[in-house]
């Protein structure tokens, strides 16, 4: 089983709020990193569309379980999270922000290593 060492967040953004949301998303991981709450590995960010609406996916690694709890008490983090919350909404019964712990599956790792060695 994969080690569930990353957090994946799906943000379902209100129509017309995409630009404001992207401004917050742009500073989200750098702020967490500056406060030493996440691993040094930058977050992965994706933008998509479903139901003719825009959503975003962010994947990153917290430094620890304690870091997650601590983040909720830091004004620098809440200055980002509170406006983010106001810019998302429920879609088709799904929360505006959906969180999951995920881990990578390395099914193709051998092939990747072999290709890198040939270069």
C-alpha atoms as a PDB file:
ATOM      1  CA  UNK A   1       0.000   0.000   0.000  1.00  0.00           C
ATOM      2  CA  UNK A   2       1.210   3.520  -0.798  1.00  0.00           C
ATOM      3  CA  UNK A   3       2.374   5.731   2.051  1.00  0.00           C
ATOM      4  CA  UNK A   4      -0.289   8.442   2.424  1.00  0.00           C
ATOM      5  CA  UNK A   5       2.204  11.273   2.817  1.00  0.00           C
ATOM      6  CA  UNK A   6       0.615  14.000   0.698  1.00  0.00           C
ATOM      7  CA  UNK A   7      -2.512  16.094   1.005  1.00  0.00           C
ATOM      8  CA  UNK A   8      -4.684  16.624  -2.055  1.00  0.00           C
ATOM      9  CA  UNK A   9      -7.176  19.467  -2.006  1.00  0.00           C
ATOM     10  CA  UNK A  10      -9.859  20.046  -4.629  1.00  0.00           C
ATOM     11  CA  UNK A  11     -11.121  23.622  -4.685  1.00  0.00           C
ATOM     12  CA  UNK A  12     -14.479  24.163  -6.436  1.00  0.00           C
ATOM     13  CA  UNK A  13     -14.401  27.866  -7.215  1.00  0.00           C
ATOM     14  CA  UNK A  14     -17.402  30.149  -7.619  1.00  0.00           C
ATOM     15  CA  UNK A  15     -18.006  31.485 -11.124  1.00  0.00           C
ATOM     16  CA  UNK A  16     -16.199  34.767 -11.630  1.00  0.00           C
ATOM     17  CA  UNK A  17     -13.882  34.246  -8.634  1.00  0.00           C
ATOM     18  CA  UNK A  18     -11.110  32.423 -10.501  1.00  0.00           C
ATOM     19  CA  UNK A  19      -8.652  35.346 -10.689  1.00  0.00           C
ATOM     20  CA  UNK A  20      -8.997  36.200  -6.992  1.00  0.00           C
ATOM     21  CA  UNK A  21      -8.675  32.534  -6.086  1.00  0.00           C
ATOM     22  CA  UNK A  22      -5.537  32.103  -8.208  1.00  0.00           C
ATOM     23  CA  UNK A  23      -3.926  35.074  -6.441  1.00  0.00           C
ATOM     24  CA  UNK A  24      -4.429  33.295  -3.108  1.00  0.00           C
ATOM     25  CA  UNK A  25      -3.397  29.904  -4.450  1.00  0.00           C
ATOM     26  CA  UNK A  26      -0.194  31.453  -5.797  1.00  0.00           C
ATOM     27  CA  UNK A  27       0.891  32.476  -2.271  1.00  0.00           C
ATOM     28  CA  UNK A  28      -0.580  29.496  -0.377  1.00  0.00           C
ATOM     29  CA  UNK A  29       2.325  27.029  -0.505  1.00  0.00           C
ATOM     30  CA  UNK A  30       5.069  29.708  -0.287  1.00  0.00           C
ATOM     31  CA  UNK A  31       3.444  30.976   2.923  1.00  0.00           C
ATOM     32  CA  UNK A  32       3.195  27.482   4.417  1.00  0.00           C
ATOM     33  CA  UNK A  33       6.805  26.865   3.404  1.00  0.00           C
ATOM     34  CA  UNK A  34       8.051  30.161   4.901  1.00  0.00           C
ATOM     35  CA  UNK A  35       6.417  29.130   8.180  1.00  0.00           C
ATOM     36  CA  UNK A  36       8.106  25.688   7.948  1.00  0.00           C
ATOM     37  CA  UNK A  37       4.773  23.832   7.934  1.00  0.00           C
ATOM     38  CA  UNK A  38       5.350  21.849   4.728  1.00  0.00           C
ATOM     39  CA  UNK A  39       8.161  19.823   3.216  1.00  0.00           C
ATOM     40  CA  UNK A  40      10.495  21.739   0.922  1.00  0.00           C
ATOM     41  CA  UNK A  41       8.968  20.054  -2.130  1.00  0.00           C
ATOM     42  CA  UNK A  42       6.785  22.656  -3.949  1.00  0.00           C
ATOM     43  CA  UNK A  43       3.109  21.916  -4.311  1.00  0.00           C
ATOM     44  CA  UNK A  44       1.673  20.561  -7.552  1.00  0.00           C
ATOM     45  CA  UNK A  45      -1.123  22.748  -8.903  1.00  0.00           C
ATOM     46  CA  UNK A  46      -3.709  21.880 -11.534  1.00  0.00           C
ATOM     47  CA  UNK A  47      -6.669  23.698 -13.045  1.00  0.00           C
ATOM     48  CA  UNK A  48      -9.597  21.883 -14.612  1.00  0.00           C
ATOM     49  CA  UNK A  49     -13.204  22.219 -15.712  1.00  0.00           C
ATOM     50  CA  UNK A  50     -16.268  20.181 -14.920  1.00  0.00           C
ATOM     51  CA  UNK A  51     -19.944  21.077 -15.238  1.00  0.00           C
ATOM     52  CA  UNK A  52     -18.717  24.164 -17.144  1.00  0.00           C
ATOM     53  CA  UNK A  53     -17.099  25.321 -13.879  1.00  0.00           C
ATOM     54  CA  UNK A  54     -13.467  25.783 -12.864  1.00  0.00           C
ATOM     55  CA  UNK A  55     -11.800  23.751 -10.157  1.00  0.00           C
ATOM     56  CA  UNK A  56      -8.241  23.542  -8.875  1.00  0.00           C
ATOM     57  CA  UNK A  57      -6.239  20.687  -7.379  1.00  0.00           C
ATOM     58  CA  UNK A  58      -3.306  21.248  -5.054  1.00  0.00           C
ATOM     59  CA  UNK A  59      -1.039  18.446  -3.812  1.00  0.00           C
ATOM     60  CA  UNK A  60       1.566  19.065  -1.128  1.00  0.00           C
ATOM     61  CA  UNK A  61       3.192  17.480   1.927  1.00  0.00           C
ATOM     62  CA  UNK A  62       2.749  18.758   5.454  1.00  0.00           C
ATOM     63  CA  UNK A  63       5.859  18.505   7.630  1.00  0.00           C
ATOM     64  CA  UNK A  64       3.859  16.728  10.356  1.00  0.00           C
ATOM     65  CA  UNK A  65       0.388  16.167  11.756  1.00  0.00           C
ATOM     66  CA  UNK A  66       1.196  18.867  14.317  1.00  0.00           C
ATOM     67  CA  UNK A  67       1.961  21.329  11.500  1.00  0.00           C
ATOM     68  CA  UNK A  68      -1.603  20.958  10.191  1.00  0.00           C
ATOM     69  CA  UNK A  69      -3.056  21.788  13.614  1.00  0.00           C
ATOM     70  CA  UNK A  70      -0.604  24.627  14.165  1.00  0.00           C
ATOM     71  CA  UNK A  71      -1.475  26.214  10.790  1.00  0.00           C
ATOM     72  CA  UNK A  72      -5.048  26.841  11.963  1.00  0.00           C
ATOM     73  CA  UNK A  73      -3.714  29.175  14.670  1.00  0.00           C
ATOM     74  CA  UNK A  74      -1.398  31.287  12.526  1.00  0.00           C
ATOM     75  CA  UNK A  75      -2.689  34.666  11.296  1.00  0.00           C
ATOM     76  CA  UNK A  76      -0.505  34.468   8.134  1.00  0.00           C
ATOM     77  CA  UNK A  77      -2.220  31.225   7.129  1.00  0.00           C
ATOM     78  CA  UNK A  78      -5.719  32.299   8.092  1.00  0.00           C
ATOM     79  CA  UNK A  79      -5.300  35.454   5.953  1.00  0.00           C
ATOM     80  CA  UNK A  80      -5.180  33.050   2.996  1.00  0.00           C
ATOM     81  CA  UNK A  81      -7.544  30.288   4.102  1.00  0.00           C
ATOM     82  CA  UNK A  82     -10.462  32.523   5.102  1.00  0.00           C
ATOM     83  CA  UNK A  83     -10.711  34.340   1.747  1.00  0.00           C
ATOM     84  CA  UNK A  84     -10.146  31.044  -0.081  1.00  0.00           C
ATOM     85  CA  UNK A  85     -13.134  29.594   1.759  1.00  0.00           C
ATOM     86  CA  UNK A  86     -15.287  32.525   0.660  1.00  0.00           C
ATOM     87  CA  UNK A  87     -14.403  31.898  -3.012  1.00  0.00           C
ATOM     88  CA  UNK A  88     -15.430  28.239  -3.171  1.00  0.00           C
ATOM     89  CA  UNK A  89     -18.832  26.587  -3.144  1.00  0.00           C
ATOM     90  CA  UNK A  90     -20.547  23.225  -3.096  1.00  0.00           C
ATOM     91  CA  UNK A  91     -21.084  21.565  -6.476  1.00  0.00           C
ATOM     92  CA  UNK A  92     -23.520  18.696  -6.951  1.00  0.00           C
ATOM     93  CA  UNK A  93     -23.403  17.808  -3.259  1.00  0.00           C
ATOM     94  CA  UNK A  94     -19.587  17.997  -3.021  1.00  0.00           C
ATOM     95  CA  UNK A  95     -17.921  20.411  -0.604  1.00  0.00           C
ATOM     96  CA  UNK A  96     -16.246  23.555  -1.929  1.00  0.00           C
ATOM     97  CA  UNK A  97     -12.946  22.280  -0.517  1.00  0.00           C
ATOM     98  CA  UNK A  98     -12.379  18.548  -0.456  1.00  0.00           C
ATOM     99  CA  UNK A  99      -9.336  17.087   1.315  1.00  0.00           C
ATOM    100  CA  UNK A 100      -7.750  13.649   0.978  1.00  0.00           C
ATOM    101  CA  UNK A 101      -4.524  12.058   2.111  1.00  0.00           C
ATOM    102  CA  UNK A 102      -2.851  10.416  -0.881  1.00  0.00           C
ATOM    103  CA  UNK A 103       0.359   8.609  -1.746  1.00  0.00           C
ATOM    104  CA  UNK A 104       2.219   7.964  -4.971  1.00  0.00           C
ATOM    105  CA  UNK A 105       2.104   4.587  -6.672  1.00  0.00           C
ATOM    106  CA  UNK A 106       5.387   3.791  -8.348  1.00  0.00           C
ATOM    107  CA  UNK A 107       4.167   1.214 -10.850  1.00  0.00           C
ATOM    108  CA  UNK A 108       6.367   2.643 -13.600  1.00  0.00           C
ATOM    109  CA  UNK A 109       9.366   3.635 -11.502  1.00  0.00           C
ATOM    110  CA  UNK A 110      11.687   0.966 -13.004  1.00  0.00           C
ATOM    111  CA  UNK A 111      11.001   2.199 -16.514  1.00  0.00           C
ATOM    112  CA  UNK A 112      11.633   5.778 -15.477  1.00  0.00           C
ATOM    113  CA  UNK A 113      14.942   4.853 -13.834  1.00  0.00           C
ATOM    114  CA  UNK A 114      16.036   2.859 -16.899  1.00  0.00           C
ATOM    115  CA  UNK A 115      15.244   5.781 -19.228  1.00  0.00           C
ATOM    116  CA  UNK A 116      17.173   8.176 -16.988  1.00  0.00           C
ATOM    117  CA  UNK A 117      20.194   5.858 -16.953  1.00  0.00           C
ATOM    118  CA  UNK A 118      20.260   5.750 -20.786  1.00  0.00           C
ATOM    119  CA  UNK A 119      20.449   9.539 -21.062  1.00  0.00           C
END
